[in-house]
Amino acid sequence: MKFTWIALPGVLLLSACSSSQPNAPRPPRIGMPNPAAVYCEQQGGTLMPVQTLQGVRSDCKLPNGEIIDEWTLWRREHPDTKK
């Protein structure tokens, strides 16, 4: 009985010390989105992942049915950004 009277206040004190911050700010996003993917979606296209031996790349399926590599589409529509 004596142990309960000693342990109970200790448990209550420890539980009061633990606090959570549900409204903690999120860390800022690092980087930027893929401009070719964003452009594809702005044109009404849908990104389709394609598995290759080199890894995964994305094709863009445009509303007119054309399927084109997202970066090929970007370069075709933005010729002034070529190096």
PDB file of N, CA and C in Angstrom:
ATOM      1  N   MET A   1       0.829  -1.190   0.000  1.00  0.00           N
ATOM      2  CA  MET A   1       0.000   0.000   0.000  1.00  0.00           C
ATOM      3  C   MET A   1       0.871   1.250   0.000  1.00  0.00           C
ATOM      4  N   LYS A   2       1.946   1.197   0.820  1.00  0.00           N
ATOM      5  CA  LYS A   2       2.839   2.342   0.901  1.00  0.00           C
ATOM      6  C   LYS A   2       3.503   2.594  -0.458  1.00  0.00           C
ATOM      7  N   PHE A   3       3.835   1.493  -1.167  1.00  0.00           N
ATOM      8  CA  PHE A   3       4.471   1.615  -2.478  1.00  0.00           C
ATOM      9  C   PHE A   3       3.540   2.332  -3.465  1.00  0.00           C
ATOM     10  N   THR A   4       2.246   2.044  -3.410  1.00  0.00           N
ATOM     11  CA  THR A   4       1.275   2.674  -4.307  1.00  0.00           C
ATOM     12  C   THR A   4       1.236   4.175  -4.079  1.00  0.00           C
ATOM     13  N   TRP A   5       1.263   4.605  -2.848  1.00  0.00           N
ATOM     14  CA  TRP A   5       1.210   6.041  -2.554  1.00  0.00           C
ATOM     15  C   TRP A   5       2.493   6.756  -2.990  1.00  0.00           C
ATOM     16  N   ILE A   6       3.584   6.035  -3.033  1.00  0.00           N
ATOM     17  CA  ILE A   6       4.844   6.638  -3.476  1.00  0.00           C
ATOM     18  C   ILE A   6       4.939   6.598  -4.999  1.00  0.00           C
ATOM     19  N   ALA A   7       4.534   5.500  -5.600  1.00  0.00           N
ATOM     20  CA  ALA A   7       4.675   5.328  -7.047  1.00  0.00           C
ATOM     21  C   ALA A   7       3.672   6.163  -7.834  1.00  0.00           C
ATOM     22  N   LEU A   8       2.453   6.308  -7.333  1.00  0.00           N
ATOM     23  CA  LEU A   8       1.413   7.032  -8.067  1.00  0.00           C
ATOM     24  C   LEU A   8       1.797   8.474  -8.371  1.00  0.00           C
ATOM     25  N   PRO A   9       2.279   9.259  -7.404  1.00  0.00           N
ATOM     26  CA  PRO A   9       2.686  10.629  -7.741  1.00  0.00           C
ATOM     27  C   PRO A   9       3.850  10.668  -8.742  1.00  0.00           C
ATOM     28  N   GLY A  10       4.754   9.704  -8.660  1.00  0.00           N
ATOM     29  CA  GLY A  10       5.872   9.655  -9.604  1.00  0.00           C
ATOM     30  C   GLY A  10       5.393   9.406 -11.030  1.00  0.00           C
ATOM     31  N   VAL A  11       4.450   8.498 -11.168  1.00  0.00           N
ATOM     32  CA  VAL A  11       3.895   8.205 -12.496  1.00  0.00           C
ATOM     33  C   VAL A  11       3.164   9.425 -13.033  1.00  0.00           C
ATOM     34  N   LEU A  12       2.408  10.092 -12.207  1.00  0.00           N
ATOM     35  CA  LEU A  12       1.684  11.290 -12.644  1.00  0.00           C
ATOM     36  C   LEU A  12       2.648  12.395 -13.064  1.00  0.00           C
ATOM     37  N   LEU A  13       3.732  12.564 -12.321  1.00  0.00           N
ATOM     38  CA  LEU A  13       4.722  13.578 -12.684  1.00  0.00           C
ATOM     39  C   LEU A  13       5.374  13.255 -14.025  1.00  0.00           C
ATOM     40  N   LEU A  14       5.718  11.999 -14.231  1.00  0.00           N
ATOM     41  CA  LEU A  14       6.347  11.615 -15.495  1.00  0.00           C
ATOM     42  C   LEU A  14       5.394  11.768 -16.671  1.00  0.00           C
ATOM     43  N   SER A  15       4.128  11.447 -16.472  1.00  0.00           N
ATOM     44  CA  SER A  15       3.179  11.584 -17.577  1.00  0.00           C
ATOM     45  C   SER A  15       2.937  13.049 -17.912  1.00  0.00           C
ATOM     46  N   ALA A  16       3.066  13.926 -16.949  1.00  0.00           N
ATOM     47  CA  ALA A  16       2.901  15.359 -17.207  1.00  0.00           C
ATOM     48  C   ALA A  16       4.088  15.922 -17.970  1.00  0.00           C
ATOM     49  N   CYS A  17       5.240  15.284 -17.856  1.00  0.00           N
ATOM     50  CA  CYS A  17       6.433  15.774 -18.549  1.00  0.00           C
ATOM     51  C   CYS A  17       6.428  15.438 -20.030  1.00  0.00           C
ATOM     52  N   SER A  18       5.730  14.392 -20.409  1.00  0.00           N
ATOM     53  CA  SER A  18       5.721  14.030 -21.828  1.00  0.00           C
ATOM     54  C   SER A  18       4.638  14.828 -22.538  1.00  0.00           C
ATOM     55  N   SER A  19       5.067  15.614 -23.477  1.00  0.00           N
ATOM     56  CA  SER A  19       4.096  16.399 -24.235  1.00  0.00           C
ATOM     57  C   SER A  19       4.361  16.216 -25.719  1.00  0.00           C
ATOM     58  N   SER A  20       3.310  16.201 -26.472  1.00  0.00           N
ATOM     59  CA  SER A  20       3.461  16.093 -27.924  1.00  0.00           C
ATOM     60  C   SER A  20       3.027  17.407 -28.553  1.00  0.00           C
ATOM     61  N   GLN A  21       3.584  17.688 -29.706  1.00  0.00           N
ATOM     62  CA  GLN A  21       3.244  18.916 -30.411  1.00  0.00           C
ATOM     63  C   GLN A  21       2.518  18.546 -31.701  1.00  0.00           C
ATOM     64  N   PRO A  22       1.195  18.423 -31.649  1.00  0.00           N
ATOM     65  CA  PRO A  22       0.472  18.020 -32.850  1.00  0.00           C
ATOM     66  C   PRO A  22       0.513  19.074 -33.956  1.00  0.00           C
ATOM     67  N   ASN A  23       0.753  20.309 -33.614  1.00  0.00           N
ATOM     68  CA  ASN A  23       0.775  21.378 -34.606  1.00  0.00           C
ATOM     69  C   ASN A  23       2.197  21.822 -34.935  1.00  0.00           C
ATOM     70  N   ALA A  24       3.143  20.917 -34.809  1.00  0.00           N
ATOM     71  CA  ALA A  24       4.532  21.262 -35.107  1.00  0.00           C
ATOM     72  C   ALA A  24       4.662  21.591 -36.595  1.00  0.00           C
ATOM     73  N   PRO A  25       5.427  22.617 -36.937  1.00  0.00           N
ATOM     74  CA  PRO A  25       5.564  22.982 -38.350  1.00  0.00           C
ATOM     75  C   PRO A  25       6.306  21.904 -39.128  1.00  0.00           C
ATOM     76  N   ARG A  26       5.911  21.729 -40.387  1.00  0.00           N
ATOM     77  CA  ARG A  26       6.572  20.751 -41.244  1.00  0.00           C
ATOM     78  C   ARG A  26       7.879  21.330 -41.751  1.00  0.00           C
ATOM     79  N   PRO A  27       8.866  20.484 -41.946  1.00  0.00           N
ATOM     80  CA  PRO A  27      10.128  20.991 -42.494  1.00  0.00           C
ATOM     81  C   PRO A  27       9.915  21.438 -43.941  1.00  0.00           C
ATOM     82  N   PRO A  28      10.675  22.415 -44.404  1.00  0.00           N
ATOM     83  CA  PRO A  28      10.491  22.899 -45.771  1.00  0.00           C
ATOM     84  C   PRO A  28      10.883  21.831 -46.787  1.00  0.00           C
ATOM     85  N   ARG A  29      10.205  21.848 -47.936  1.00  0.00           N
ATOM     86  CA  ARG A  29      10.540  20.916 -49.011  1.00  0.00           C
ATOM     87  C   ARG A  29      11.836  21.358 -49.660  1.00  0.00           C
ATOM     88  N   ILE A  30      12.651  20.393 -49.964  1.00  0.00           N
ATOM     89  CA  ILE A  30      13.924  20.680 -50.606  1.00  0.00           C
ATOM     90  C   ILE A  30      13.809  20.275 -52.066  1.00  0.00           C
ATOM     91  N   GLY A  31      14.315  21.118 -52.937  1.00  0.00           N
ATOM     92  CA  GLY A  31      14.294  20.784 -54.351  1.00  0.00           C
ATOM     93  C   GLY A  31      13.098  21.382 -55.055  1.00  0.00           C
ATOM     94  N   MET A  32      12.921  20.957 -56.281  1.00  0.00           N
ATOM     95  CA  MET A  32      11.807  21.439 -57.079  1.00  0.00           C
ATOM     96  C   MET A  32      11.262  20.280 -57.902  1.00  0.00           C
ATOM     97  N   PRO A  33      10.026  20.396 -58.376  1.00  0.00           N
ATOM     98  CA  PRO A  33       9.464  19.311 -59.167  1.00  0.00           C
ATOM     99  C   PRO A  33      10.135  19.206 -60.529  1.00  0.00           C
ATOM    100  N   ASN A  34      10.022  18.056 -61.137  1.00  0.00           N
ATOM    101  CA  ASN A  34      10.567  17.807 -62.465  1.00  0.00           C
ATOM    102  C   ASN A  34       9.822  18.696 -63.470  1.00  0.00           C
ATOM    103  N   PRO A  35      10.501  19.641 -64.129  1.00  0.00           N
ATOM    104  CA  PRO A  35       9.798  20.554 -65.036  1.00  0.00           C
ATOM    105  C   PRO A  35       9.151  19.843 -66.215  1.00  0.00           C
ATOM    106  N   ALA A  36       9.742  18.747 -66.695  1.00  0.00           N
ATOM    107  CA  ALA A  36       9.147  18.018 -67.816  1.00  0.00           C
ATOM    108  C   ALA A  36       7.845  17.344 -67.391  1.00  0.00           C
ATOM    109  N   ALA A  37       7.805  16.797 -66.181  1.00  0.00           N
ATOM    110  CA  ALA A  37       6.592  16.161 -65.678  1.00  0.00           C
ATOM    111  C   ALA A  37       5.502  17.198 -65.443  1.00  0.00           C
ATOM    112  N   VAL A  38       5.877  18.335 -64.888  1.00  0.00           N
ATOM    113  CA  VAL A  38       4.908  19.407 -64.648  1.00  0.00           C
ATOM    114  C   VAL A  38       4.333  19.891 -65.973  1.00  0.00           C
ATOM    115  N   TYR A  39       5.186  20.074 -66.984  1.00  0.00           N
ATOM    116  CA  TYR A  39       4.730  20.550 -68.289  1.00  0.00           C
ATOM    117  C   TYR A  39       3.771  19.544 -68.929  1.00  0.00           C
ATOM    118  N   CYS A  40       4.085  18.259 -68.817  1.00  0.00           N
ATOM    119  CA  CYS A  40       3.204  17.220 -69.354  1.00  0.00           C
ATOM    120  C   CYS A  40       1.805  17.347 -68.755  1.00  0.00           C
ATOM    121  N   GLU A  41       1.730  17.482 -67.457  1.00  0.00           N
ATOM    122  CA  GLU A  41       0.433  17.582 -66.789  1.00  0.00           C
ATOM    123  C   GLU A  41      -0.272  18.887 -67.126  1.00  0.00           C
ATOM    124  N   GLN A  42       0.474  19.970 -67.317  1.00  0.00           N
ATOM    125  CA  GLN A  42      -0.130  21.245 -67.705  1.00  0.00           C
ATOM    126  C   GLN A  42      -0.772  21.158 -69.086  1.00  0.00           C
ATOM    127  N   GLN A  43      -0.237  20.291 -69.942  1.00  0.00           N
ATOM    128  CA  GLN A  43      -0.785  20.113 -71.285  1.00  0.00           C
ATOM    129  C   GLN A  43      -1.966  19.138 -71.295  1.00  0.00           C
ATOM    130  N   GLY A  44      -2.352  18.662 -70.125  1.00  0.00           N
ATOM    131  CA  GLY A  44      -3.460  17.717 -70.023  1.00  0.00           C
ATOM    132  C   GLY A  44      -3.025  16.276 -70.171  1.00  0.00           C
ATOM    133  N   GLY A  45      -1.726  16.047 -70.152  1.00  0.00           N
ATOM    134  CA  GLY A  45      -1.192  14.702 -70.320  1.00  0.00           C
ATOM    135  C   GLY A  45      -1.173  13.911 -69.028  1.00  0.00           C
ATOM    136  N   THR A  46      -0.903  12.635 -69.187  1.00  0.00           N
ATOM    137  CA  THR A  46      -0.801  11.714 -68.059  1.00  0.00           C
ATOM    138  C   THR A  46       0.582  11.079 -68.086  1.00  0.00           C
ATOM    139  N   LEU A  47       1.248  11.053 -66.948  1.00  0.00           N
ATOM    140  CA  LEU A  47       2.571  10.430 -66.864  1.00  0.00           C
ATOM    141  C   LEU A  47       2.425   8.919 -66.747  1.00  0.00           C
ATOM    142  N   MET A  48       3.223   8.213 -67.540  1.00  0.00           N
ATOM    143  CA  MET A  48       3.209   6.753 -67.532  1.00  0.00           C
ATOM    144  C   MET A  48       4.631   6.263 -67.279  1.00  0.00           C
ATOM    145  N   PRO A  49       4.906   5.627 -66.125  1.00  0.00           N
ATOM    146  CA  PRO A  49       6.255   5.118 -65.859  1.00  0.00           C
ATOM    147  C   PRO A  49       6.594   3.963 -66.799  1.00  0.00           C
ATOM    148  N   VAL A  50       7.839   3.963 -67.287  1.00  0.00           N
ATOM    149  CA  VAL A  50       8.322   2.926 -68.205  1.00  0.00           C
ATOM    150  C   VAL A  50       9.608   2.350 -67.626  1.00  0.00           C
ATOM    151  N   GLN A  51       9.633   1.033 -67.426  1.00  0.00           N
ATOM    152  CA  GLN A  51      10.819   0.358 -66.897  1.00  0.00           C
ATOM    153  C   GLN A  51      11.765   0.054 -68.051  1.00  0.00           C
ATOM    154  N   THR A  52      13.029   0.469 -67.930  1.00  0.00           N
ATOM    155  CA  THR A  52      14.055   0.171 -68.925  1.00  0.00           C
ATOM    156  C   THR A  52      15.230  -0.499 -68.223  1.00  0.00           C
ATOM    157  N   LEU A  53      16.213  -0.928 -68.997  1.00  0.00           N
ATOM    158  CA  LEU A  53      17.405  -1.521 -68.394  1.00  0.00           C
ATOM    159  C   LEU A  53      18.176  -0.504 -67.569  1.00  0.00           C
ATOM    160  N   GLN A  54      18.061   0.774 -67.919  1.00  0.00           N
ATOM    161  CA  GLN A  54      18.765   1.828 -67.193  1.00  0.00           C
ATOM    162  C   GLN A  54      18.001   2.293 -65.949  1.00  0.00           C
ATOM    163  N   GLY A  55      16.749   1.921 -65.822  1.00  0.00           N
ATOM    164  CA  GLY A  55      15.938   2.358 -64.688  1.00  0.00           C
ATOM    165  C   GLY A  55      14.537   2.709 -65.150  1.00  0.00           C
ATOM    166  N   VAL A  56      13.882   3.574 -64.404  1.00  0.00           N
ATOM    167  CA  VAL A  56      12.518   3.976 -64.729  1.00  0.00           C
ATOM    168  C   VAL A  56      12.542   5.382 -65.311  1.00  0.00           C
ATOM    169  N   ARG A  57      11.825   5.572 -66.411  1.00  0.00           N
ATOM    170  CA  ARG A  57      11.635   6.891 -67.002  1.00  0.00           C
ATOM    171  C   ARG A  57      10.141   7.077 -67.182  1.00  0.00           C
ATOM    172  N   SER A  58       9.722   8.263 -67.582  1.00  0.00           N
ATOM    173  CA  SER A  58       8.297   8.517 -67.752  1.00  0.00           C
ATOM    174  C   SER A  58       7.987   8.972 -69.164  1.00  0.00           C
ATOM    175  N   ASP A  59       6.905   8.422 -69.700  1.00  0.00           N
ATOM    176  CA  ASP A  59       6.342   8.901 -70.951  1.00  0.00           C
ATOM    177  C   ASP A  59       5.135   9.752 -70.614  1.00  0.00           C
ATOM    178  N   CYS A  60       4.804  10.645 -71.526  1.00  0.00           N
ATOM    179  CA  CYS A  60       3.638  11.501 -71.361  1.00  0.00           C
ATOM    180  C   CYS A  60       2.613  11.097 -72.413  1.00  0.00           C
ATOM    181  N   LYS A  61       1.416  10.742 -71.984  1.00  0.00           N
ATOM    182  CA  LYS A  61       0.331  10.441 -72.917  1.00  0.00           C
ATOM    183  C   LYS A  61      -0.524  11.691 -73.009  1.00  0.00           C
ATOM    184  N   LEU A  62      -0.461  12.333 -74.174  1.00  0.00           N
ATOM    185  CA  LEU A  62      -1.170  13.591 -74.395  1.00  0.00           C
ATOM    186  C   LEU A  62      -2.639  13.331 -74.731  1.00  0.00           C
ATOM    187  N   PRO A  63      -3.501  14.343 -74.569  1.00  0.00           N
ATOM    188  CA  PRO A  63      -4.929  14.161 -74.844  1.00  0.00           C
ATOM    189  C   PRO A  63      -5.231  13.702 -76.278  1.00  0.00           C
ATOM    190  N   ASN A  64      -4.354  14.033 -77.242  1.00  0.00           N
ATOM    191  CA  ASN A  64      -4.591  13.616 -78.627  1.00  0.00           C
ATOM    192  C   ASN A  64      -4.168  12.172 -78.878  1.00  0.00           C
ATOM    193  N   GLY A  65      -3.677  11.470 -77.844  1.00  0.00           N
ATOM    194  CA  GLY A  65      -3.284  10.073 -77.958  1.00  0.00           C
ATOM    195  C   GLY A  65      -1.796   9.865 -78.169  1.00  0.00           C
ATOM    196  N   GLU A  66      -1.065  10.938 -78.450  1.00  0.00           N
ATOM    197  CA  GLU A  66       0.376  10.826 -78.668  1.00  0.00           C
ATOM    198  C   GLU A  66       1.068  10.425 -77.368  1.00  0.00           C
ATOM    199  N   ILE A  67       1.983   9.466 -77.463  1.00  0.00           N
ATOM    200  CA  ILE A  67       2.799   9.055 -76.320  1.00  0.00           C
ATOM    201  C   ILE A  67       4.231   9.433 -76.647  1.00  0.00           C
ATOM    202  N   ILE A  68       4.828  10.231 -75.775  1.00  0.00           N
ATOM    203  CA  ILE A  68       6.160  10.774 -76.018  1.00  0.00           C
ATOM    204  C   ILE A  68       6.916  10.839 -74.695  1.00  0.00           C
ATOM    205  N   ASP A  69       8.226  10.646 -74.754  1.00  0.00           N
ATOM    206  CA  ASP A  69       9.050  10.788 -73.555  1.00  0.00           C
ATOM    207  C   ASP A  69       8.864  12.198 -73.003  1.00  0.00           C
ATOM    208  N   GLU A  70       8.728  12.320 -71.691  1.00  0.00           N
ATOM    209  CA  GLU A  70       8.431  13.630 -71.104  1.00  0.00           C
ATOM    210  C   GLU A  70       9.495  14.669 -71.429  1.00  0.00           C
ATOM    211  N   TRP A  71      10.765  14.267 -71.434  1.00  0.00           N
ATOM    212  CA  TRP A  71      11.831  15.229 -71.728  1.00  0.00           C
ATOM    213  C   TRP A  71      11.896  15.559 -73.215  1.00  0.00           C
ATOM    214  N   THR A  72      11.538  14.615 -74.077  1.00  0.00           N
ATOM    215  CA  THR A  72      11.469  14.906 -75.509  1.00  0.00           C
ATOM    216  C   THR A  72      10.384  15.944 -75.760  1.00  0.00           C
ATOM    217  N   LEU A  73       9.250  15.802 -75.094  1.00  0.00           N
ATOM    218  CA  LEU A  73       8.172  16.792 -75.201  1.00  0.00           C
ATOM    219  C   LEU A  73       8.646  18.150 -74.714  1.00  0.00           C
ATOM    220  N   TRP A  74       9.310  18.179 -73.573  1.00  0.00           N
ATOM    221  CA  TRP A  74       9.806  19.437 -73.005  1.00  0.00           C
ATOM    222  C   TRP A  74      10.755  20.136 -73.982  1.00  0.00           C
ATOM    223  N   ARG A  75      11.697  19.377 -74.526  1.00  0.00           N
ATOM    224  CA  ARG A  75      12.686  19.968 -75.443  1.00  0.00           C
ATOM    225  C   ARG A  75      12.046  20.408 -76.755  1.00  0.00           C
ATOM    226  N   ARG A  76      11.044  19.661 -77.214  1.00  0.00           N
ATOM    227  CA  ARG A  76      10.353  20.033 -78.448  1.00  0.00           C
ATOM    228  C   ARG A  76       9.616  21.360 -78.286  1.00  0.00           C
ATOM    229  N   GLU A  77       9.017  21.565 -77.131  1.00  0.00           N
ATOM    230  CA  GLU A  77       8.224  22.772 -76.891  1.00  0.00           C
ATOM    231  C   GLU A  77       9.045  23.923 -76.318  1.00  0.00           C
ATOM    232  N   HIS A  78      10.256  23.660 -75.877  1.00  0.00           N
ATOM    233  CA  HIS A  78      11.130  24.689 -75.300  1.00  0.00           C
ATOM    234  C   HIS A  78      12.502  24.640 -75.978  1.00  0.00           C
ATOM    235  N   PRO A  79      12.577  24.941 -77.271  1.00  0.00           N
ATOM    236  CA  PRO A  79      13.862  24.816 -77.975  1.00  0.00           C
ATOM    237  C   PRO A  79      14.920  25.801 -77.497  1.00  0.00           C
ATOM    238  N   ASP A  80      14.513  26.912 -76.902  1.00  0.00           N
ATOM    239  CA  ASP A  80      15.481  27.915 -76.449  1.00  0.00           C
ATOM    240  C   ASP A  80      16.221  27.504 -75.186  1.00  0.00           C
ATOM    241  N   THR A  81      15.823  26.412 -74.536  1.00  0.00           N
ATOM    242  CA  THR A  81      16.498  25.979 -73.306  1.00  0.00           C
ATOM    243  C   THR A  81      17.591  24.963 -73.587  1.00  0.00           C
ATOM    244  N   LYS A  82      17.804  24.610 -74.863  1.00  0.00           N
ATOM    245  CA  LYS A  82      18.877  23.664 -75.195  1.00  0.00           C
ATOM    246  C   LYS A  82      20.224  24.321 -74.975  1.00  0.00           C
ATOM    247  N   LYS A  83      21.194  23.519 -74.560  1.00  0.00           N
ATOM    248  CA  LYS A  83      22.538  24.051 -74.312  1.00  0.00           C
ATOM    249  C   LYS A  83      23.335  24.088 -75.585  1.00  0.00           C
TER     250      LYS A  83
END
